[in-house]
């Protein structure tokens, strides 16, 4: 599978159908998806179908990437940029198994993704969205250089949008 980025402790690669079980288990944890607006996959097969139809890499050259620990090859979660053609913007997102929370993986990988977006993809700006109650994700957005832009309706919950603009 194609490695896209490398950080001090991880490498990021494209997700594949071989990740279906890990992807399913990640979304199975209600605490992990508590602030995402997502629902639990019905089955591993449902996660597999999602991954089979995931077209961000082919369409836009970016996407959510599997985060793999360099030493153990464990699937820690995912991180990456997603392009939305309807809003013409790139969004940074991340999701990790709970046992990897508060260890700096989200900050480490999201920062690498921001740099990739600006330097490799020549993206002009990147947004990050979070529910206001998701203090941990908001802290990551701030640590990687994004600044508060505005509030928004996050699937019926109070949300915030953060943004960062490239300086070329």
N, C-alpha and C. Protein backbone atom coordinates (compact mmCIF):
# COMPACT_ATOMS: atom_id res chain seq x y z
N UNK A 1 0.83 -1.18 0.00
CA UNK A 1 0.00 0.00 0.00
C UNK A 1 0.88 1.24 0.00
N UNK A 2 0.41 2.27 -0.66
CA UNK A 2 1.20 3.46 -0.89
C UNK A 2 1.34 4.31 0.38
N UNK A 3 2.60 4.49 0.82
CA UNK A 3 2.88 5.40 1.93
C UNK A 3 2.84 6.81 1.38
N UNK A 4 2.17 7.69 2.11
CA UNK A 4 2.04 9.07 1.66
C UNK A 4 2.92 10.00 2.47
N UNK A 5 2.93 9.81 3.77
CA UNK A 5 3.67 10.69 4.67
C UNK A 5 4.36 9.88 5.74
N UNK A 6 5.35 10.50 6.35
CA UNK A 6 6.03 9.88 7.47
C UNK A 6 6.22 10.94 8.55
N UNK A 7 5.98 10.56 9.79
CA UNK A 7 6.24 11.45 10.92
C UNK A 7 7.28 10.75 11.79
N UNK A 8 7.59 11.34 12.91
CA UNK A 8 8.60 10.77 13.80
C UNK A 8 8.25 9.33 14.21
N UNK A 9 6.98 9.10 14.56
CA UNK A 9 6.58 7.78 15.08
C UNK A 9 5.68 6.97 14.16
N UNK A 10 5.18 7.59 13.09
CA UNK A 10 4.18 6.93 12.25
C UNK A 10 4.49 7.10 10.77
N UNK A 11 3.75 6.33 10.00
CA UNK A 11 3.64 6.65 8.58
C UNK A 11 2.16 6.62 8.23
N UNK A 12 1.80 7.40 7.24
CA UNK A 12 0.42 7.48 6.78
C UNK A 12 0.37 6.88 5.39
N UNK A 13 -0.62 6.06 5.16
CA UNK A 13 -0.78 5.41 3.86
C UNK A 13 -2.25 5.42 3.50
N UNK A 14 -2.51 5.14 2.23
CA UNK A 14 -3.90 5.06 1.78
C UNK A 14 -4.61 3.93 2.51
N UNK A 15 -5.87 4.18 2.85
CA UNK A 15 -6.72 3.13 3.41
C UNK A 15 -7.02 2.11 2.33
N UNK A 16 -7.22 0.86 2.73
CA UNK A 16 -7.58 -0.18 1.77
C UNK A 16 -8.63 -1.09 2.40
N UNK A 17 -9.19 -1.97 1.60
CA UNK A 17 -10.20 -2.89 2.14
C UNK A 17 -9.60 -3.82 3.19
N UNK A 18 -8.28 -3.98 3.18
CA UNK A 18 -7.62 -4.79 4.22
C UNK A 18 -7.74 -4.13 5.59
N UNK A 19 -8.08 -2.84 5.63
CA UNK A 19 -8.26 -2.12 6.88
C UNK A 19 -9.69 -2.21 7.42
N UNK A 20 -10.55 -2.95 6.77
CA UNK A 20 -11.98 -2.95 7.11
C UNK A 20 -12.22 -3.31 8.58
N UNK A 21 -11.55 -4.32 9.10
CA UNK A 21 -11.79 -4.71 10.49
C UNK A 21 -11.35 -3.61 11.46
N UNK A 22 -10.18 -3.04 11.24
CA UNK A 22 -9.71 -1.95 12.10
C UNK A 22 -10.62 -0.73 11.98
N UNK A 23 -11.03 -0.42 10.77
CA UNK A 23 -11.92 0.71 10.51
C UNK A 23 -13.26 0.50 11.23
N UNK A 24 -13.79 -0.71 11.13
CA UNK A 24 -15.03 -1.08 11.81
C UNK A 24 -14.89 -0.93 13.32
N UNK A 25 -13.81 -1.49 13.88
CA UNK A 25 -13.59 -1.44 15.33
C UNK A 25 -13.39 -0.02 15.83
N UNK A 26 -12.76 0.83 15.04
CA UNK A 26 -12.57 2.22 15.41
C UNK A 26 -13.92 2.91 15.59
N UNK A 27 -14.82 2.72 14.64
CA UNK A 27 -16.14 3.35 14.70
C UNK A 27 -17.08 2.64 15.66
N UNK A 28 -16.72 1.47 16.12
CA UNK A 28 -17.55 0.73 17.06
C UNK A 28 -17.54 1.38 18.44
N UNK A 29 -16.46 2.07 18.77
CA UNK A 29 -16.32 2.72 20.06
C UNK A 29 -17.14 4.01 20.06
N UNK A 30 -18.21 4.02 20.84
CA UNK A 30 -19.11 5.18 20.87
C UNK A 30 -18.41 6.45 21.37
N UNK A 31 -17.38 6.32 22.19
CA UNK A 31 -16.61 7.49 22.64
C UNK A 31 -15.80 8.08 21.49
N UNK A 32 -15.29 7.22 20.62
CA UNK A 32 -14.48 7.68 19.48
C UNK A 32 -15.34 8.48 18.51
N UNK A 33 -16.58 8.06 18.29
CA UNK A 33 -17.43 8.76 17.32
C UNK A 33 -18.42 9.72 17.97
N UNK A 34 -18.28 9.91 19.26
CA UNK A 34 -19.22 10.75 20.03
C UNK A 34 -19.44 12.13 19.42
N UNK A 35 -18.40 12.77 18.96
CA UNK A 35 -18.49 14.15 18.45
C UNK A 35 -18.37 14.23 16.92
N UNK A 36 -18.58 13.13 16.23
CA UNK A 36 -18.33 13.13 14.79
C UNK A 36 -19.59 13.28 13.93
N UNK A 37 -20.74 12.94 14.48
CA UNK A 37 -21.94 12.92 13.67
C UNK A 37 -22.09 11.62 12.89
N UNK A 38 -21.09 10.73 13.00
CA UNK A 38 -21.12 9.44 12.31
C UNK A 38 -21.87 8.40 13.14
N UNK A 39 -22.26 7.34 12.47
CA UNK A 39 -22.90 6.21 13.15
C UNK A 39 -21.97 5.00 13.07
N UNK A 40 -22.22 4.05 13.93
CA UNK A 40 -21.44 2.81 13.95
C UNK A 40 -21.71 2.04 12.66
N UNK A 41 -20.67 1.46 12.07
CA UNK A 41 -20.88 0.59 10.91
C UNK A 41 -21.70 -0.61 11.35
N UNK A 42 -22.57 -1.08 10.49
CA UNK A 42 -23.42 -2.23 10.82
C UNK A 42 -22.61 -3.51 10.95
N UNK A 43 -21.52 -3.60 10.19
CA UNK A 43 -20.71 -4.82 10.18
C UNK A 43 -19.34 -4.50 9.58
N UNK A 44 -18.45 -5.47 9.68
CA UNK A 44 -17.14 -5.32 9.02
C UNK A 44 -17.35 -5.20 7.52
N UNK A 45 -18.32 -5.94 7.00
CA UNK A 45 -18.61 -5.89 5.57
C UNK A 45 -19.07 -4.48 5.15
N UNK A 46 -19.83 -3.82 6.01
CA UNK A 46 -20.27 -2.45 5.73
C UNK A 46 -19.07 -1.51 5.67
N UNK A 47 -18.12 -1.69 6.60
CA UNK A 47 -16.89 -0.89 6.58
C UNK A 47 -16.10 -1.17 5.30
N UNK A 48 -16.06 -2.45 4.90
CA UNK A 48 -15.36 -2.84 3.68
C UNK A 48 -15.97 -2.15 2.46
N UNK A 49 -17.29 -2.13 2.39
CA UNK A 49 -17.97 -1.47 1.26
C UNK A 49 -17.66 0.03 1.25
N UNK A 50 -17.63 0.65 2.43
CA UNK A 50 -17.27 2.06 2.51
C UNK A 50 -15.88 2.27 1.92
N UNK A 51 -14.94 1.45 2.34
CA UNK A 51 -13.55 1.59 1.86
C UNK A 51 -13.44 1.30 0.37
N UNK A 52 -14.20 0.33 -0.12
CA UNK A 52 -14.18 0.02 -1.57
C UNK A 52 -14.64 1.22 -2.39
N UNK A 53 -15.57 2.00 -1.84
CA UNK A 53 -16.15 3.13 -2.57
C UNK A 53 -15.49 4.47 -2.24
N UNK A 54 -14.46 4.45 -1.40
CA UNK A 54 -13.80 5.69 -1.00
C UNK A 54 -12.96 6.19 -2.18
N UNK A 55 -13.32 7.36 -2.72
CA UNK A 55 -12.70 7.82 -3.97
C UNK A 55 -11.91 9.12 -3.85
N UNK A 56 -11.64 9.58 -2.65
CA UNK A 56 -10.91 10.84 -2.47
C UNK A 56 -9.52 10.81 -3.11
N UNK A 57 -8.81 9.69 -2.98
CA UNK A 57 -7.45 9.61 -3.50
C UNK A 57 -7.45 9.77 -5.02
N UNK A 58 -8.34 9.05 -5.69
CA UNK A 58 -8.39 9.09 -7.15
C UNK A 58 -8.89 10.44 -7.66
N UNK A 59 -9.91 10.98 -6.99
CA UNK A 59 -10.50 12.24 -7.46
C UNK A 59 -9.65 13.46 -7.14
N UNK A 60 -9.08 13.50 -5.93
CA UNK A 60 -8.49 14.75 -5.46
C UNK A 60 -7.02 14.65 -5.02
N UNK A 61 -6.47 13.45 -5.01
CA UNK A 61 -5.07 13.29 -4.62
C UNK A 61 -4.81 13.36 -3.13
N UNK A 62 -5.87 13.45 -2.34
CA UNK A 62 -5.77 13.46 -0.88
C UNK A 62 -6.91 12.61 -0.31
N UNK A 63 -6.93 12.50 0.99
CA UNK A 63 -8.00 11.76 1.64
C UNK A 63 -7.63 11.47 3.07
N UNK A 64 -8.46 10.71 3.73
CA UNK A 64 -8.14 10.26 5.07
C UNK A 64 -7.20 9.08 4.92
N UNK A 65 -6.07 9.12 5.61
CA UNK A 65 -5.04 8.09 5.49
C UNK A 65 -4.93 7.28 6.76
N UNK A 66 -4.63 6.01 6.61
CA UNK A 66 -4.38 5.14 7.76
C UNK A 66 -3.12 5.62 8.46
N UNK A 67 -3.17 5.69 9.78
CA UNK A 67 -1.99 6.05 10.57
C UNK A 67 -1.45 4.75 11.17
N UNK A 68 -0.21 4.42 10.79
CA UNK A 68 0.42 3.17 11.20
C UNK A 68 1.65 3.47 12.05
N UNK A 69 1.76 2.81 13.18
CA UNK A 69 2.92 2.99 14.04
C UNK A 69 4.13 2.35 13.37
N UNK A 70 5.23 3.08 13.26
CA UNK A 70 6.42 2.59 12.55
C UNK A 70 6.99 1.31 13.17
N UNK A 71 7.09 1.25 14.49
CA UNK A 71 7.74 0.12 15.13
C UNK A 71 6.87 -1.13 15.23
N UNK A 72 5.57 -0.93 15.48
CA UNK A 72 4.69 -2.08 15.71
C UNK A 72 3.82 -2.43 14.51
N UNK A 73 3.72 -1.53 13.55
CA UNK A 73 2.80 -1.65 12.40
C UNK A 73 1.34 -1.69 12.81
N UNK A 74 1.03 -1.22 14.03
CA UNK A 74 -0.36 -1.16 14.49
C UNK A 74 -1.10 -0.04 13.78
N UNK A 75 -2.37 -0.29 13.48
CA UNK A 75 -3.28 0.71 12.92
C UNK A 75 -3.77 1.55 14.10
N UNK A 76 -3.35 2.82 14.16
CA UNK A 76 -3.70 3.69 15.28
C UNK A 76 -5.02 4.42 15.06
N UNK A 77 -5.35 4.63 13.78
CA UNK A 77 -6.53 5.40 13.42
C UNK A 77 -6.32 5.98 12.04
N UNK A 78 -6.92 7.13 11.79
CA UNK A 78 -6.72 7.79 10.50
C UNK A 78 -6.59 9.29 10.68
N UNK A 79 -6.00 9.92 9.68
CA UNK A 79 -5.82 11.36 9.66
C UNK A 79 -5.64 11.78 8.21
N UNK A 80 -6.07 12.97 7.88
CA UNK A 80 -5.83 13.43 6.52
C UNK A 80 -6.73 14.56 6.10
N UNK A 81 -6.53 14.97 4.88
CA UNK A 81 -7.32 16.04 4.27
C UNK A 81 -8.42 15.42 3.43
N UNK A 82 -9.55 16.07 3.42
CA UNK A 82 -10.67 15.65 2.57
C UNK A 82 -11.11 16.88 1.79
N UNK A 83 -11.30 16.70 0.50
CA UNK A 83 -11.76 17.81 -0.33
C UNK A 83 -13.27 17.71 -0.51
N UNK A 84 -13.94 18.84 -0.37
CA UNK A 84 -15.38 18.92 -0.62
C UNK A 84 -15.60 19.82 -1.82
N UNK A 85 -16.11 19.23 -2.90
CA UNK A 85 -16.33 20.02 -4.12
C UNK A 85 -17.49 21.00 -3.93
N UNK A 86 -18.46 20.67 -3.08
CA UNK A 86 -19.61 21.56 -2.89
C UNK A 86 -19.21 22.86 -2.20
N UNK A 87 -18.24 22.80 -1.29
CA UNK A 87 -17.78 24.02 -0.61
C UNK A 87 -16.42 24.48 -1.11
N UNK A 88 -15.81 23.71 -2.01
CA UNK A 88 -14.49 23.99 -2.57
C UNK A 88 -13.48 24.27 -1.46
N UNK A 89 -13.39 23.30 -0.53
CA UNK A 89 -12.43 23.47 0.56
C UNK A 89 -11.85 22.13 0.99
N UNK A 90 -10.68 22.23 1.58
CA UNK A 90 -10.00 21.07 2.16
C UNK A 90 -10.19 21.11 3.67
N UNK A 91 -10.51 19.95 4.23
CA UNK A 91 -10.83 19.82 5.64
C UNK A 91 -9.84 18.84 6.28
N UNK A 92 -9.26 19.21 7.42
CA UNK A 92 -8.39 18.30 8.15
C UNK A 92 -9.25 17.50 9.13
N UNK A 93 -9.01 16.21 9.18
CA UNK A 93 -9.75 15.36 10.10
C UNK A 93 -8.86 14.27 10.66
N UNK A 94 -9.24 13.74 11.81
CA UNK A 94 -8.46 12.67 12.45
C UNK A 94 -9.37 11.90 13.39
N UNK A 95 -9.03 10.63 13.55
CA UNK A 95 -9.77 9.75 14.46
C UNK A 95 -8.83 8.63 14.88
N UNK A 96 -8.72 8.42 16.17
CA UNK A 96 -7.80 7.42 16.70
C UNK A 96 -8.48 6.52 17.72
N UNK A 97 -7.99 5.28 17.81
CA UNK A 97 -8.45 4.41 18.89
C UNK A 97 -8.18 5.10 20.22
N UNK A 98 -9.06 4.92 21.17
CA UNK A 98 -8.98 5.62 22.45
C UNK A 98 -7.66 5.38 23.18
N UNK A 99 -7.09 4.19 23.03
CA UNK A 99 -5.84 3.91 23.75
C UNK A 99 -4.67 4.76 23.24
N UNK A 100 -4.86 5.45 22.11
CA UNK A 100 -3.82 6.33 21.56
C UNK A 100 -4.11 7.80 21.79
N UNK A 101 -5.20 8.09 22.51
CA UNK A 101 -5.53 9.48 22.82
C UNK A 101 -4.51 10.05 23.81
N UNK A 102 -4.31 11.34 23.74
CA UNK A 102 -3.44 12.07 24.67
C UNK A 102 -1.98 11.63 24.60
N UNK A 103 -1.56 11.07 23.48
CA UNK A 103 -0.18 10.67 23.28
C UNK A 103 0.48 11.49 22.16
N UNK A 104 -0.24 12.47 21.62
CA UNK A 104 0.32 13.36 20.60
C UNK A 104 0.20 12.88 19.16
N UNK A 105 -0.43 11.73 18.94
CA UNK A 105 -0.53 11.22 17.57
C UNK A 105 -1.39 12.11 16.67
N UNK A 106 -2.50 12.62 17.19
CA UNK A 106 -3.36 13.47 16.37
C UNK A 106 -2.61 14.74 15.95
N UNK A 107 -1.94 15.37 16.90
CA UNK A 107 -1.20 16.59 16.60
C UNK A 107 -0.06 16.31 15.61
N UNK A 108 0.69 15.26 15.87
CA UNK A 108 1.84 14.90 15.02
C UNK A 108 1.42 14.63 13.58
N UNK A 109 0.37 13.85 13.40
CA UNK A 109 -0.04 13.47 12.05
C UNK A 109 -0.82 14.59 11.35
N UNK A 110 -1.66 15.31 12.11
CA UNK A 110 -2.43 16.40 11.49
C UNK A 110 -1.50 17.52 11.04
N UNK A 111 -0.47 17.79 11.81
CA UNK A 111 0.51 18.82 11.41
C UNK A 111 1.19 18.41 10.10
N UNK A 112 1.55 17.14 9.99
CA UNK A 112 2.17 16.64 8.75
C UNK A 112 1.20 16.75 7.58
N UNK A 113 -0.07 16.52 7.82
CA UNK A 113 -1.07 16.62 6.75
C UNK A 113 -1.25 18.07 6.30
N UNK A 114 -1.23 19.00 7.24
CA UNK A 114 -1.32 20.43 6.90
C UNK A 114 -0.13 20.82 6.02
N UNK A 115 1.06 20.41 6.43
CA UNK A 115 2.27 20.72 5.64
C UNK A 115 2.19 20.10 4.26
N UNK A 116 1.69 18.87 4.16
CA UNK A 116 1.51 18.19 2.87
C UNK A 116 0.55 19.00 1.99
N UNK A 117 -0.56 19.42 2.58
CA UNK A 117 -1.55 20.19 1.82
C UNK A 117 -0.96 21.47 1.25
N UNK A 118 -0.20 22.18 2.07
CA UNK A 118 0.36 23.45 1.62
C UNK A 118 1.53 23.27 0.68
N UNK A 119 2.46 22.40 1.01
CA UNK A 119 3.70 22.30 0.25
C UNK A 119 3.62 21.35 -0.95
N UNK A 120 2.92 20.25 -0.81
CA UNK A 120 2.84 19.27 -1.90
C UNK A 120 1.64 19.54 -2.81
N UNK A 121 0.49 19.81 -2.19
CA UNK A 121 -0.74 20.01 -2.97
C UNK A 121 -0.96 21.48 -3.37
N UNK A 122 -0.20 22.39 -2.78
CA UNK A 122 -0.34 23.82 -3.04
C UNK A 122 -1.75 24.34 -2.70
N UNK A 123 -2.35 23.75 -1.67
CA UNK A 123 -3.66 24.19 -1.19
C UNK A 123 -3.47 25.56 -0.53
N UNK A 124 -4.44 26.45 -0.73
CA UNK A 124 -4.32 27.80 -0.19
C UNK A 124 -4.83 27.93 1.24
N UNK A 125 -5.84 27.14 1.60
CA UNK A 125 -6.35 27.18 2.98
C UNK A 125 -6.96 25.84 3.34
N UNK A 126 -7.00 25.58 4.64
CA UNK A 126 -7.54 24.32 5.17
C UNK A 126 -8.43 24.67 6.35
N UNK A 127 -9.56 23.98 6.44
CA UNK A 127 -10.47 24.18 7.57
C UNK A 127 -10.49 22.94 8.46
N UNK A 128 -10.92 23.15 9.67
CA UNK A 128 -11.15 22.06 10.60
C UNK A 128 -12.46 22.33 11.29
N UNK A 129 -13.29 21.30 11.41
CA UNK A 129 -14.60 21.44 12.06
C UNK A 129 -14.65 20.55 13.29
N UNK A 130 -15.30 21.04 14.32
CA UNK A 130 -15.46 20.22 15.53
C UNK A 130 -16.71 20.67 16.26
N UNK A 131 -17.29 19.75 17.01
CA UNK A 131 -18.36 20.15 17.90
C UNK A 131 -17.72 20.94 19.04
N UNK A 132 -18.41 21.98 19.51
CA UNK A 132 -17.87 22.82 20.58
C UNK A 132 -17.51 22.00 21.82
N UNK A 133 -18.24 20.94 22.06
CA UNK A 133 -18.00 20.10 23.23
C UNK A 133 -16.73 19.26 23.09
N UNK A 134 -16.20 19.15 21.88
CA UNK A 134 -15.02 18.31 21.63
C UNK A 134 -13.75 19.13 21.87
N UNK A 135 -13.49 19.40 23.13
CA UNK A 135 -12.35 20.24 23.53
C UNK A 135 -11.02 19.66 23.04
N UNK A 136 -10.86 18.34 23.10
CA UNK A 136 -9.59 17.72 22.70
C UNK A 136 -9.28 17.99 21.23
N UNK A 137 -10.27 17.83 20.36
CA UNK A 137 -10.03 18.08 18.92
C UNK A 137 -9.78 19.56 18.66
N UNK A 138 -10.47 20.42 19.36
CA UNK A 138 -10.24 21.86 19.19
C UNK A 138 -8.81 22.20 19.60
N UNK A 139 -8.32 21.60 20.66
CA UNK A 139 -6.93 21.85 21.09
C UNK A 139 -5.95 21.40 20.01
N UNK A 140 -6.23 20.26 19.37
CA UNK A 140 -5.35 19.80 18.29
C UNK A 140 -5.37 20.81 17.14
N UNK A 141 -6.54 21.28 16.76
CA UNK A 141 -6.63 22.26 15.67
C UNK A 141 -5.80 23.50 16.00
N UNK A 142 -5.87 23.95 17.25
CA UNK A 142 -5.11 25.12 17.65
C UNK A 142 -3.60 24.83 17.66
N UNK A 143 -3.22 23.64 18.13
CA UNK A 143 -1.80 23.28 18.19
C UNK A 143 -1.16 23.21 16.80
N UNK A 144 -1.95 22.85 15.79
CA UNK A 144 -1.39 22.73 14.44
C UNK A 144 -1.52 24.02 13.64
N UNK A 145 -1.96 25.09 14.31
CA UNK A 145 -1.93 26.41 13.69
C UNK A 145 -3.24 26.96 13.17
N UNK A 146 -4.35 26.25 13.33
CA UNK A 146 -5.62 26.77 12.86
C UNK A 146 -6.17 27.76 13.88
N UNK A 147 -6.94 28.73 13.39
CA UNK A 147 -7.55 29.76 14.24
C UNK A 147 -9.06 29.73 14.08
N UNK A 148 -9.74 30.07 15.15
CA UNK A 148 -11.21 30.11 15.14
C UNK A 148 -11.71 31.05 14.06
N UNK A 149 -12.70 30.58 13.30
CA UNK A 149 -13.31 31.40 12.25
C UNK A 149 -14.75 31.75 12.62
N UNK A 150 -15.57 30.73 12.93
CA UNK A 150 -16.98 30.99 13.21
C UNK A 150 -17.64 29.75 13.82
N UNK A 151 -18.84 29.96 14.31
CA UNK A 151 -19.67 28.86 14.79
C UNK A 151 -20.48 28.34 13.61
N UNK A 152 -20.96 27.12 13.73
CA UNK A 152 -21.86 26.57 12.71
C UNK A 152 -22.70 25.45 13.33
N UNK A 153 -23.74 25.03 12.62
CA UNK A 153 -24.60 23.95 13.08
C UNK A 153 -23.98 22.63 12.65
N UNK A 154 -23.51 21.85 13.60
CA UNK A 154 -22.86 20.57 13.34
C UNK A 154 -23.90 19.47 13.59
N UNK A 155 -24.67 19.17 12.58
CA UNK A 155 -25.70 18.13 12.67
C UNK A 155 -26.59 18.30 13.91
N UNK A 156 -27.02 19.55 14.16
CA UNK A 156 -27.91 19.82 15.28
C UNK A 156 -27.20 20.15 16.58
N UNK A 157 -25.88 20.09 16.58
CA UNK A 157 -25.08 20.45 17.75
C UNK A 157 -24.29 21.73 17.44
N UNK A 158 -23.88 22.40 18.50
CA UNK A 158 -23.05 23.60 18.32
C UNK A 158 -21.68 23.18 17.82
N UNK A 159 -21.25 23.80 16.73
CA UNK A 159 -19.95 23.48 16.16
C UNK A 159 -19.12 24.72 15.92
N UNK A 160 -17.83 24.50 15.68
CA UNK A 160 -16.91 25.59 15.37
C UNK A 160 -16.12 25.23 14.12
N UNK A 161 -15.76 26.26 13.38
CA UNK A 161 -14.90 26.09 12.22
C UNK A 161 -13.61 26.86 12.50
N UNK A 162 -12.51 26.18 12.29
CA UNK A 162 -11.17 26.75 12.40
C UNK A 162 -10.56 26.77 11.01
N UNK A 163 -9.61 27.64 10.78
CA UNK A 163 -9.00 27.73 9.46
C UNK A 163 -7.52 28.13 9.55
N UNK A 164 -6.79 27.78 8.52
CA UNK A 164 -5.39 28.19 8.38
C UNK A 164 -5.17 28.47 6.89
N UNK A 165 -4.41 29.52 6.62
CA UNK A 165 -4.11 29.92 5.25
C UNK A 165 -2.62 29.77 5.01
N UNK A 166 -2.28 29.27 3.85
CA UNK A 166 -0.88 29.09 3.48
C UNK A 166 -0.21 30.43 3.26
N UNK A 167 1.05 30.50 3.63
CA UNK A 167 1.87 31.68 3.34
C UNK A 167 2.94 31.21 2.35
N UNK A 168 2.76 31.59 1.08
CA UNK A 168 3.71 31.16 0.05
C UNK A 168 4.68 32.26 -0.25
